[in-house]
Amino acid sequence: MDRSEIMRRVKRRDTAPERRLRAALRALGFTGYRLDRGDLPGRPDIAFMGRRRAIFAHGCFWHGHGCRRGARAPKANAAYWAAKIARNRERDAEAVAALAASGWRVLTVWECEMTDASGLAARLAAFMEDG
């Protein structure tokens, strides 16, 4: 399997971390969200339109998280990947700023944080509280 075939298989939505996040929200009783809202800055993975809450489920590698998996740099074509991940991080920051300027509360959940189910549930519950 060559590199472009591998990259074609990378899903843009309904990834395992997104499904895990949605399951945690449903377990907490939060339903009525919308997925992959292209009309909002950054195209949040989950949006509660009435509550004005947006949640991004970020893959550690793709968005340059500081964890072990996110800090791992590819050896092949390293300059390309460094630039790509830097652009992703810039775009993420711009989207969060644009949403916040429009009165939205934004939460970013990293892929590595989703392994701790109780910690994730507590974080989501605190985020979804009004205030």
C-alpha atoms as a PDB file:
ATOM      1  CA  MET A   1       0.000   0.000   0.000  1.00  0.00           C
ATOM      2  CA  ASP A   2       1.537   3.310  -1.045  1.00  0.00           C
ATOM      3  CA  ARG A   3       1.379   6.565   0.915  1.00  0.00           C
ATOM      4  CA  SER A   4      -1.438   8.148  -1.114  1.00  0.00           C
ATOM      5  CA  GLU A   5      -3.635   5.098  -0.637  1.00  0.00           C
ATOM      6  CA  ILE A   6      -3.021   5.256   3.097  1.00  0.00           C
ATOM      7  CA  MET A   7      -3.879   8.959   3.170  1.00  0.00           C
ATOM      8  CA  ARG A   8      -7.099   8.366   1.198  1.00  0.00           C
ATOM      9  CA  ARG A   9      -8.214   6.000   3.947  1.00  0.00           C
ATOM     10  CA  VAL A  10      -7.902   8.655   6.660  1.00  0.00           C
ATOM     11  CA  LYS A  11     -11.464   9.606   7.532  1.00  0.00           C
ATOM     12  CA  ARG A  12     -12.559  13.201   7.978  1.00  0.00           C
ATOM     13  CA  ARG A  13     -15.598  12.447  10.108  1.00  0.00           C
ATOM     14  CA  ASP A  14     -17.025   9.620  12.217  1.00  0.00           C
ATOM     15  CA  THR A  15     -13.572   8.687  13.438  1.00  0.00           C
ATOM     16  CA  ALA A  16     -13.184   6.440  16.479  1.00  0.00           C
ATOM     17  CA  PRO A  17     -12.348   9.409  18.793  1.00  0.00           C
ATOM     18  CA  GLU A  18     -15.439  11.299  17.555  1.00  0.00           C
ATOM     19  CA  ARG A  19     -17.661   8.270  18.161  1.00  0.00           C
ATOM     20  CA  ARG A  20     -16.166   7.834  21.640  1.00  0.00           C
ATOM     21  CA  LEU A  21     -16.852  11.501  22.392  1.00  0.00           C
ATOM     22  CA  ARG A  22     -20.458  11.277  21.188  1.00  0.00           C
ATOM     23  CA  ALA A  23     -21.022   8.134  23.278  1.00  0.00           C
ATOM     24  CA  ALA A  24     -19.741   9.973  26.377  1.00  0.00           C
ATOM     25  CA  LEU A  25     -22.085  12.898  25.677  1.00  0.00           C
ATOM     26  CA  ARG A  26     -25.074  10.581  25.228  1.00  0.00           C
ATOM     27  CA  ALA A  27     -24.204   8.751  28.465  1.00  0.00           C
ATOM     28  CA  LEU A  28     -24.343  12.119  30.247  1.00  0.00           C
ATOM     29  CA  GLY A  29     -27.743  12.835  28.706  1.00  0.00           C
ATOM     30  CA  PHE A  30     -26.594  15.467  26.221  1.00  0.00           C
ATOM     31  CA  THR A  31     -28.322  14.899  22.907  1.00  0.00           C
ATOM     32  CA  GLY A  32     -29.575  17.152  20.146  1.00  0.00           C
ATOM     33  CA  TYR A  33     -26.138  18.075  18.879  1.00  0.00           C
ATOM     34  CA  ARG A  34     -25.232  18.586  15.246  1.00  0.00           C
ATOM     35  CA  LEU A  35     -22.223  17.053  13.546  1.00  0.00           C
ATOM     36  CA  ASP A  36     -19.586  18.572  11.307  1.00  0.00           C
ATOM     37  CA  ARG A  37     -21.167  22.033  10.974  1.00  0.00           C
ATOM     38  CA  GLY A  38     -19.658  23.555   7.851  1.00  0.00           C
ATOM     39  CA  ASP A  39     -21.447  26.847   8.499  1.00  0.00           C
ATOM     40  CA  LEU A  40     -19.413  27.473  11.677  1.00  0.00           C
ATOM     41  CA  PRO A  41     -15.749  28.525  11.790  1.00  0.00           C
ATOM     42  CA  GLY A  42     -13.466  25.511  11.945  1.00  0.00           C
ATOM     43  CA  ARG A  43     -16.293  23.072  11.186  1.00  0.00           C
ATOM     44  CA  PRO A  44     -16.725  21.773  14.770  1.00  0.00           C
ATOM     45  CA  ASP A  45     -17.116  18.019  15.121  1.00  0.00           C
ATOM     46  CA  ILE A  46     -20.015  18.518  17.541  1.00  0.00           C
ATOM     47  CA  ALA A  47     -22.128  21.644  17.920  1.00  0.00           C
ATOM     48  CA  PHE A  48     -24.955  22.350  20.342  1.00  0.00           C
ATOM     49  CA  MET A  49     -26.581  25.167  18.408  1.00  0.00           C
ATOM     50  CA  GLY A  50     -28.988  26.400  21.113  1.00  0.00           C
ATOM     51  CA  ARG A  51     -26.390  26.286  23.867  1.00  0.00           C
ATOM     52  CA  ARG A  52     -23.692  27.747  21.607  1.00  0.00           C
ATOM     53  CA  ARG A  53     -21.184  25.061  22.526  1.00  0.00           C
ATOM     54  CA  ALA A  54     -18.689  23.644  20.021  1.00  0.00           C
ATOM     55  CA  ILE A  55     -16.500  20.608  20.575  1.00  0.00           C
ATOM     56  CA  PHE A  56     -13.503  19.614  18.505  1.00  0.00           C
ATOM     57  CA  ALA A  57     -12.147  16.060  18.682  1.00  0.00           C
ATOM     58  CA  HIS A  58      -8.523  16.423  17.625  1.00  0.00           C
ATOM     59  CA  GLY A  59      -6.173  13.646  16.651  1.00  0.00           C
ATOM     60  CA  CYS A  60      -2.891  14.127  18.484  1.00  0.00           C
ATOM     61  CA  PHE A  61      -0.682  13.603  15.413  1.00  0.00           C
ATOM     62  CA  TRP A  62      -2.702  15.699  12.958  1.00  0.00           C
ATOM     63  CA  HIS A  63      -3.082  18.701  15.264  1.00  0.00           C
ATOM     64  CA  GLY A  64       0.363  18.647  16.911  1.00  0.00           C
ATOM     65  CA  HIS A  65      -0.524  17.807  20.506  1.00  0.00           C
ATOM     66  CA  GLY A  66       2.326  17.735  23.026  1.00  0.00           C
ATOM     67  CA  CYS A  67       1.748  14.095  24.025  1.00  0.00           C
ATOM     68  CA  ARG A  68       3.955  11.195  22.963  1.00  0.00           C
ATOM     69  CA  ARG A  69       1.914  10.422  19.852  1.00  0.00           C
ATOM     70  CA  GLY A  70       1.534  14.047  18.814  1.00  0.00           C
ATOM     71  CA  ALA A  71       5.208  14.845  19.267  1.00  0.00           C
ATOM     72  CA  ARG A  72       6.268  11.955  17.020  1.00  0.00           C
ATOM     73  CA  ALA A  73       7.565  13.448  13.784  1.00  0.00           C
ATOM     74  CA  PRO A  74       7.629  11.444  10.564  1.00  0.00           C
ATOM     75  CA  LYS A  75      11.114  10.749   9.247  1.00  0.00           C
ATOM     76  CA  ALA A  76      10.130  10.779   5.594  1.00  0.00           C
ATOM     77  CA  ASN A  77       9.363  14.218   4.164  1.00  0.00           C
ATOM     78  CA  ALA A  78       9.813  15.821   7.593  1.00  0.00           C
ATOM     79  CA  ALA A  79       9.680  19.424   6.359  1.00  0.00           C
ATOM     80  CA  TYR A  80       6.325  18.859   4.651  1.00  0.00           C
ATOM     81  CA  TRP A  81       4.779  17.302   7.764  1.00  0.00           C
ATOM     82  CA  ALA A  82       6.129  19.980  10.094  1.00  0.00           C
ATOM     83  CA  ALA A  83       4.630  22.698   7.876  1.00  0.00           C
ATOM     84  CA  LYS A  84       1.322  20.839   7.520  1.00  0.00           C
ATOM     85  CA  ILE A  85       0.907  20.348  11.265  1.00  0.00           C
ATOM     86  CA  ALA A  86       1.886  23.982  11.917  1.00  0.00           C
ATOM     87  CA  ARG A  87      -0.820  25.108   9.442  1.00  0.00           C
ATOM     88  CA  ASN A  88      -3.349  22.838  11.176  1.00  0.00           C
ATOM     89  CA  ARG A  89      -2.496  24.401  14.543  1.00  0.00           C
ATOM     90  CA  GLU A  90      -2.832  27.938  13.137  1.00  0.00           C
ATOM     91  CA  ARG A  91      -6.179  27.104  11.548  1.00  0.00           C
ATOM     92  CA  ASP A  92      -7.385  25.556  14.824  1.00  0.00           C
ATOM     93  CA  ALA A  93      -6.448  28.704  16.785  1.00  0.00           C
ATOM     94  CA  GLU A  94      -8.200  30.938  14.226  1.00  0.00           C
ATOM     95  CA  ALA A  95     -11.365  28.815  14.388  1.00  0.00           C
ATOM     96  CA  VAL A  96     -11.473  28.899  18.197  1.00  0.00           C
ATOM     97  CA  ALA A  97     -10.947  32.684  18.184  1.00  0.00           C
ATOM     98  CA  ALA A  98     -13.698  33.203  15.578  1.00  0.00           C
ATOM     99  CA  LEU A  99     -16.158  31.023  17.507  1.00  0.00           C
ATOM    100  CA  ALA A 100     -15.358  32.761  20.797  1.00  0.00           C
ATOM    101  CA  ALA A 101     -15.819  36.168  19.156  1.00  0.00           C
ATOM    102  CA  SER A 102     -19.291  35.005  18.060  1.00  0.00           C
ATOM    103  CA  GLY A 103     -20.246  34.086  21.624  1.00  0.00           C
ATOM    104  CA  TRP A 104     -19.548  30.350  21.460  1.00  0.00           C
ATOM    105  CA  ARG A 105     -17.850  28.310  24.152  1.00  0.00           C
ATOM    106  CA  VAL A 106     -15.309  25.932  22.650  1.00  0.00           C
ATOM    107  CA  LEU A 107     -13.790  22.704  23.958  1.00  0.00           C
ATOM    108  CA  THR A 108     -10.964  20.787  22.324  1.00  0.00           C
ATOM    109  CA  VAL A 109     -10.676  17.145  23.342  1.00  0.00           C
ATOM    110  CA  TRP A 110      -7.476  15.387  22.334  1.00  0.00           C
ATOM    111  CA  GLU A 111      -7.446  11.794  21.191  1.00  0.00           C
ATOM    112  CA  CYS A 112      -5.126  10.771  24.048  1.00  0.00           C
ATOM    113  CA  GLU A 113      -7.520  12.265  26.638  1.00  0.00           C
ATOM    114  CA  MET A 114     -10.376  10.021  25.539  1.00  0.00           C
ATOM    115  CA  THR A 115      -8.874   6.906  27.101  1.00  0.00           C
ATOM    116  CA  ASP A 116      -9.810   8.151  30.599  1.00  0.00           C
ATOM    117  CA  ALA A 117     -13.606   7.718  30.494  1.00  0.00           C
ATOM    118  CA  SER A 118     -14.333   9.241  33.919  1.00  0.00           C
ATOM    119  CA  GLY A 119     -12.052  12.224  33.303  1.00  0.00           C
ATOM    120  CA  LEU A 120     -13.654  12.797  29.908  1.00  0.00           C
ATOM    121  CA  ALA A 121     -17.151  12.615  31.393  1.00  0.00           C
ATOM    122  CA  ALA A 122     -16.265  15.134  34.108  1.00  0.00           C
ATOM    123  CA  ARG A 123     -14.728  17.505  31.594  1.00  0.00           C
ATOM    124  CA  LEU A 124     -17.719  17.299  29.260  1.00  0.00           C
ATOM    125  CA  ALA A 125     -20.223  17.802  32.098  1.00  0.00           C
ATOM    126  CA  ALA A 126     -18.372  20.891  33.327  1.00  0.00           C
ATOM    127  CA  PHE A 127     -18.196  22.300  29.800  1.00  0.00           C
ATOM    128  CA  MET A 128     -21.872  21.760  29.108  1.00  0.00           C
ATOM    129  CA  GLU A 129     -23.063  23.471  32.307  1.00  0.00           C
ATOM    130  CA  ASP A 130     -24.608  26.848  31.695  1.00  0.00           C
ATOM    131  CA  GLY A 131     -22.480  29.743  32.708  1.00  0.00           C
END
